[in-house]
Protein backbone atom coordinates (compact mmCIF):
# COMPACT_ATOMS: atom_id res chain seq x y z
CA MET A 1 79.56 91.68 112.40
CA ASP A 2 77.61 90.47 110.17
CA ILE A 3 73.89 89.12 111.31
CA GLN A 4 72.32 86.66 108.96
CA PHE A 5 68.72 84.31 110.31
CA ARG A 6 68.22 81.24 107.96
CA GLN A 7 64.15 80.00 108.10
CA VAL A 8 64.37 80.51 111.93
CA GLY A 9 61.28 80.43 114.19
CA TYR A 10 61.15 80.66 117.32
CA THR A 11 57.43 79.25 119.31
CA TYR A 12 56.87 80.82 123.22
CA GLN A 13 55.99 78.13 125.60
CA PRO A 14 56.09 74.60 122.85
CA HIS A 15 54.45 71.78 123.57
CA THR A 16 52.02 72.84 125.58
CA PRO A 17 48.34 74.18 125.46
CA PHE A 18 49.48 78.22 125.36
CA ALA A 19 52.23 77.27 122.01
CA TYR A 20 52.78 80.88 120.57
CA GLN A 21 54.73 81.04 116.98
CA ALA A 22 55.73 84.11 117.30
CA ILE A 23 58.23 84.24 113.92
CA ARG A 24 58.57 82.33 111.09
CA ASN A 25 60.56 81.17 108.46
CA ILE A 26 62.38 84.46 109.11
CA ASN A 27 65.87 84.78 106.44
CA LEU A 28 67.30 88.10 106.52
CA SER A 29 71.14 89.56 105.82
CA ILE A 30 72.33 92.53 107.76
CA SER A 31 75.69 93.52 106.98
CA SER A 32 78.47 94.80 109.39
CA GLY A 33 78.32 98.69 109.25
CA GLU A 34 74.05 98.90 108.18
CA TYR A 35 71.80 101.04 109.65
CA ILE A 36 68.90 98.73 109.12
CA ALA A 37 65.25 99.53 110.47
CA VAL A 38 62.90 97.08 111.64
CA VAL A 39 59.62 98.15 111.46
CA GLY A 40 55.69 96.21 111.73
CA HIS A 41 52.17 96.76 113.83
CA THR A 42 52.37 95.61 117.25
CA GLY A 43 52.69 91.69 117.89
CA SER A 44 54.04 91.27 114.17
CA GLY A 45 57.11 89.85 115.86
CA LYS A 46 60.12 92.60 116.11
CA SER A 47 61.05 91.77 119.96
CA THR A 48 61.22 88.83 119.13
CA LEU A 49 63.80 88.78 116.48
CA LEU A 50 65.84 91.58 117.83
CA GLN A 51 66.54 89.66 121.07
CA HIS A 52 67.85 86.35 119.08
CA ILE A 53 70.64 89.22 118.17
CA ASN A 54 72.32 88.73 120.87
CA GLY A 55 71.34 85.37 122.64
CA LEU A 56 68.03 85.77 124.79
CA LEU A 57 66.25 84.05 123.11
CA VAL A 58 67.55 80.38 121.03
CA PRO A 59 65.27 80.33 117.89
CA THR A 60 63.15 76.42 117.97
CA GLU A 61 63.46 76.45 114.41
CA GLY A 62 66.42 76.91 112.26
CA GLU A 63 69.81 79.08 112.79
CA VAL A 64 70.89 82.62 113.65
CA HIS A 65 74.53 84.28 112.80
CA VAL A 66 76.35 86.85 114.83
CA GLY A 67 79.97 87.42 113.83
CA ASP A 68 81.55 83.85 115.00
CA PHE A 69 78.78 83.28 116.66
CA LEU A 70 75.82 80.41 116.00
CA LEU A 71 72.73 80.63 118.01
CA SER A 72 70.56 77.66 117.11
CA ASN A 73 68.08 74.46 119.58
CA ASP A 74 70.58 72.10 118.42
CA ASN A 75 73.79 75.45 119.83
CA LYS A 76 72.58 76.00 123.36
CA ARG A 77 75.95 75.22 125.62
CA GLN A 78 78.11 77.77 123.91
CA ASP A 79 79.29 80.86 126.08
CA LEU A 80 76.92 84.21 125.42
CA ARG A 81 79.02 86.16 127.69
CA LYS A 82 80.96 87.01 124.34
CA LEU A 83 78.28 87.56 121.96
CA ARG A 84 76.16 90.01 124.83
CA GLU A 85 79.49 92.09 124.74
CA LYS A 86 79.77 92.57 121.47
CA VAL A 87 75.90 93.50 120.94
CA GLY A 88 74.51 95.99 123.40
CA ILE A 89 70.57 96.81 123.18
CA VAL A 90 68.67 100.28 124.14
CA PHE A 91 65.30 99.31 125.38
CA GLN A 92 62.41 101.51 126.05
CA TYR A 93 62.51 103.54 128.75
CA PRO A 94 66.20 102.19 130.07
CA GLU A 95 65.88 104.65 132.31
CA HIS A 96 64.28 102.48 134.21
CA GLN A 97 66.86 99.96 134.53
CA LEU A 98 69.07 102.52 136.30
CA PHE A 99 69.90 101.47 139.94
CA GLU A 100 73.74 102.42 141.35
CA GLU A 101 73.86 104.82 143.82
CA THR A 102 75.87 106.57 141.40
CA VAL A 103 76.05 107.61 137.80
CA GLU A 104 79.48 106.52 137.49
CA ARG A 105 78.46 103.00 139.58
CA ASP A 106 75.77 102.29 137.12
CA ILE A 107 77.46 103.54 133.64
CA SER A 108 80.29 101.18 134.72
CA PHE A 109 78.32 98.26 135.74
CA GLY A 110 78.30 96.19 132.49
CA PRO A 111 81.77 96.77 131.77
CA HIS A 112 82.92 95.42 135.04
CA ASN A 113 80.62 92.72 135.20
CA PHE A 114 82.91 91.97 132.17
CA ARG A 115 85.43 92.01 134.08
CA VAL A 116 86.88 94.72 131.78
CA PRO A 117 90.34 96.12 134.20
CA LYS A 118 89.68 99.23 136.30
CA GLU A 119 91.86 101.40 134.28
CA GLU A 120 89.91 100.86 131.20
CA ILE A 121 86.70 101.53 133.00
CA GLU A 122 87.00 105.03 134.02
CA GLN A 123 88.16 106.09 130.49
CA ARG A 124 84.89 104.01 128.88
CA VAL A 125 82.87 105.46 131.79
CA ILE A 126 84.06 109.60 130.33
CA ARG A 127 83.79 107.95 126.52
CA SER A 128 80.16 107.18 127.06
CA MET A 129 79.60 110.28 128.65
CA GLU A 130 80.79 112.74 125.99
CA LYS A 131 79.42 110.29 123.47
CA VAL A 132 75.90 111.41 125.27
CA GLU A 133 76.88 114.50 126.23
CA LEU A 134 76.94 114.42 129.94
CA PRO A 135 78.93 116.41 131.85
CA THR A 136 81.43 114.73 133.79
CA ASP A 137 80.54 116.74 137.26
CA ILE A 138 77.32 114.32 137.60
CA LEU A 139 79.69 110.77 138.27
CA ASN A 140 79.00 111.41 141.85
CA LYS A 141 75.64 112.00 141.63
CA SER A 142 72.94 109.80 142.08
CA PRO A 143 71.12 108.99 138.72
CA PHE A 144 67.65 109.92 140.35
CA GLU A 145 68.67 113.58 141.20
CA LEU A 146 69.04 114.35 136.96
CA SER A 147 66.70 115.35 135.00
CA GLY A 148 64.45 112.72 132.82
CA GLY A 149 66.01 113.07 129.57
CA GLN A 150 69.68 113.21 132.10
CA MET A 151 68.40 109.56 133.32
CA ARG A 152 68.02 108.26 129.36
CA ARG A 153 71.63 109.34 128.93
CA VAL A 154 72.97 108.06 131.51
CA ALA A 155 71.46 104.18 130.65
CA ILE A 156 72.61 104.71 127.02
CA ALA A 157 75.71 104.97 128.25
CA GLY A 158 76.16 102.42 129.76
CA VAL A 159 75.15 100.06 126.91
CA LEU A 160 77.99 102.24 125.21
CA ALA A 161 80.74 102.19 127.49
CA MET A 162 80.90 97.96 126.32
CA GLU A 163 81.66 99.67 123.48
CA PRO A 164 79.34 97.64 121.63
CA GLU A 165 79.71 96.42 118.25
CA VAL A 166 76.12 96.06 117.18
CA LEU A 167 73.48 98.48 118.46
CA ILE A 168 70.15 97.23 118.84
CA LEU A 169 67.44 100.60 119.36
CA ASP A 170 64.17 98.73 120.56
CA GLU A 171 61.30 102.21 120.75
CA PRO A 172 64.35 104.55 122.14
CA THR A 173 62.14 107.45 121.99
CA ALA A 174 59.30 106.28 123.36
CA GLY A 175 57.65 108.88 126.03
CA LEU A 176 60.44 112.14 124.53
CA ASP A 177 58.67 115.51 123.11
CA PRO A 178 59.21 116.00 119.22
CA LYS A 179 62.79 117.79 119.64
CA GLY A 180 63.88 115.06 123.10
CA GLN A 181 63.27 112.54 120.08
CA TYR A 182 65.06 114.69 117.77
CA ASP A 183 68.40 114.77 119.43
CA ILE A 184 68.35 111.45 120.53
CA MET A 185 67.93 109.90 117.53
CA ASP A 186 70.77 112.28 116.27
CA MET A 187 73.05 111.41 118.83
CA PHE A 188 72.31 107.76 117.66
CA TYR A 189 73.21 108.63 114.43
CA GLN A 190 76.46 110.47 114.92
CA LEU A 191 77.20 107.78 116.90
CA HIS A 192 76.65 105.14 114.49
CA GLN A 193 78.51 106.71 111.50
CA SER A 194 81.18 107.92 114.08
CA ARG A 195 81.55 104.43 114.76
CA GLN A 196 80.20 102.48 111.91
CA MET A 197 78.19 99.71 114.41
CA THR A 198 75.82 98.09 113.23
CA THR A 199 72.62 99.90 114.03
CA ILE A 200 69.28 98.16 114.21
CA LEU A 201 66.25 100.06 115.35
CA VAL A 202 62.90 99.01 116.27
CA THR A 203 60.39 101.66 115.49
CA HIS A 204 56.67 102.04 114.80
CA GLN A 205 57.45 105.59 113.39
CA MET A 206 58.10 105.43 110.21
CA ASP A 207 59.82 108.87 109.69
CA GLN A 208 62.89 107.55 111.91
CA ALA A 209 62.81 104.48 109.57
CA LEU A 210 62.59 106.85 106.09
CA LYS A 211 65.60 109.89 107.88
CA TYR A 212 67.75 107.27 109.18
CA ALA A 213 67.92 103.55 108.00
CA ASP A 214 70.17 102.29 104.88
CA ARG A 215 67.35 99.60 105.00
CA ILE A 216 64.10 98.62 106.36
CA ILE A 217 62.53 95.51 106.92
CA VAL A 218 58.81 95.10 107.40
CA LEU A 219 57.66 92.51 109.95
CA ALA A 220 53.28 90.78 109.40
CA ASN A 221 52.29 88.12 111.50
CA GLY A 222 55.76 87.10 112.25
CA GLU A 223 56.76 87.19 109.24
CA VAL A 224 59.18 89.47 106.45
CA HIS A 225 56.63 91.11 104.46
CA MET A 226 59.16 92.99 102.50
CA GLU A 227 62.59 94.78 102.90
CA GLY A 228 64.32 97.34 100.39
CA ASN A 229 65.79 100.77 100.64
CA PRO A 230 63.37 103.38 102.30
CA GLU A 231 62.43 105.04 99.17
CA GLU A 232 61.46 101.72 97.53
CA ILE A 233 59.36 100.63 100.86
CA PHE A 234 57.32 103.67 101.15
CA SER A 235 56.74 103.60 97.87
CA LYS A 236 54.28 100.50 98.01
CA THR A 237 51.65 102.58 100.26
CA LYS A 238 49.10 99.39 99.29
CA GLN A 239 50.97 96.75 100.60
CA LEU A 240 52.24 98.94 103.76
CA GLN A 241 48.00 99.76 104.55
CA GLU A 242 48.45 95.81 104.58
CA VAL A 243 50.16 95.62 107.39
CA ASN A 244 48.73 99.06 109.34
CA LEU A 245 51.27 100.81 108.30
CA ASP A 246 51.26 104.50 107.25
CA VAL A 247 53.68 106.43 104.93
CA PRO A 248 55.68 109.56 106.57
CA GLU A 249 53.82 112.47 106.44
CA VAL A 250 56.64 114.55 104.62
CA LEU A 251 56.57 111.76 101.61
CA THR A 252 52.42 112.15 101.72
CA LEU A 253 53.44 116.05 101.91
CA ILE A 254 55.88 116.07 98.92
CA ASP A 255 53.66 113.70 96.74
CA ASP A 256 50.33 115.45 97.19
CA PHE A 257 52.62 118.81 96.26
CA ASN A 258 53.71 117.85 92.84
CA HIS A 259 50.12 116.35 92.31
CA ARG A 260 48.85 119.79 92.88
CA PHE A 261 51.34 122.42 90.93
CA ASP A 262 53.64 120.16 88.47
CA GLY A 263 55.98 119.61 90.88
CA SER A 264 59.22 117.53 90.89
CA ILE A 265 60.63 117.68 94.09
CA ARG A 266 61.98 114.19 95.50
CA TYR A 267 62.90 112.99 99.06
CA HIS A 268 66.47 112.74 100.01
CA ARG A 269 66.28 113.47 103.08
CA GLN A 270 66.63 116.96 103.58
CA SER A 271 65.28 118.98 106.39
CA ILE A 272 62.28 120.91 107.04
CA ALA A 273 63.63 124.01 106.21
CA GLU A 274 65.19 123.02 102.96
CA LEU A 275 62.05 121.44 102.67
CA ALA A 276 60.65 125.11 102.00
CA LYS A 277 63.06 126.68 100.28
CA GLU A 278 63.02 123.71 97.77
CA ILE A 279 59.44 125.25 97.38
CA VAL A 280 59.73 128.29 97.52
CA ASP A 281 62.06 127.71 94.62
CA HIS A 282 59.31 125.72 92.66
CA PHE A 283 57.23 128.52 93.12
CA ARG A 284 59.81 131.39 91.84
CA GLU A 285 60.91 129.43 89.17
CA ASN A 286 57.22 128.99 87.70
CA LYS A 287 56.68 132.76 88.83
CA ARG A 288 53.93 132.57 91.61
CA LEU A 289 55.36 134.35 94.25
């Protein structure tokens, strides 16, 4: 499902003394199946931007095209239920949105609300639990009896049960320890690859944007500051610093190593263990070990 923003602006509380333009003159395209990272400092417009993709917000200026749907200030009467069925959002702390008596009822709430047949709902619940690696023996348990990590996975399973074509991740690792962050992000990446869904990650963690995204969009002061593939974006250290963003630590490490030891190591999404091996190999080739 392709997504296009054309001259999009959004103003909160327009025509009042409290009017605030959160985004302006946004022009960007996201192709079906892409993994996009949207990064920016607090107040850059990230959350406002993503809420346009499933119609939670409608532009005050310009147009947003999401597949066959057109969102604009002049086109407010269309039924957005079908759009929201195709675009799933995992918000920060999604476990705070759990409310049903059992895990099964919580996961099935969305499909039931969109009138998916009962037999299909049952299959979707099982499929979505498998995707987030939850055991089916918790189906009849209260989600509030589970661990924090399991509660988050139940909430994510509820989004996946809608079987969206576009998945938006709004700081999905907030509050998790490093291992929990790795597990959740790796799970989303495997889902992205297996289902070829369009994935949009909103994050302030530059290492996540570097590792997973095909393309990065940098927002600043409500506008697109720059966009490109991770290697292009993170080579522009000065431009990132201008908008209070840092280069991922792994790139800083590689750059420092290459300068100090006349190395030629490049980042190619290798693991820390793989990077360590490349460093050892460099020293061996230069007879420093």
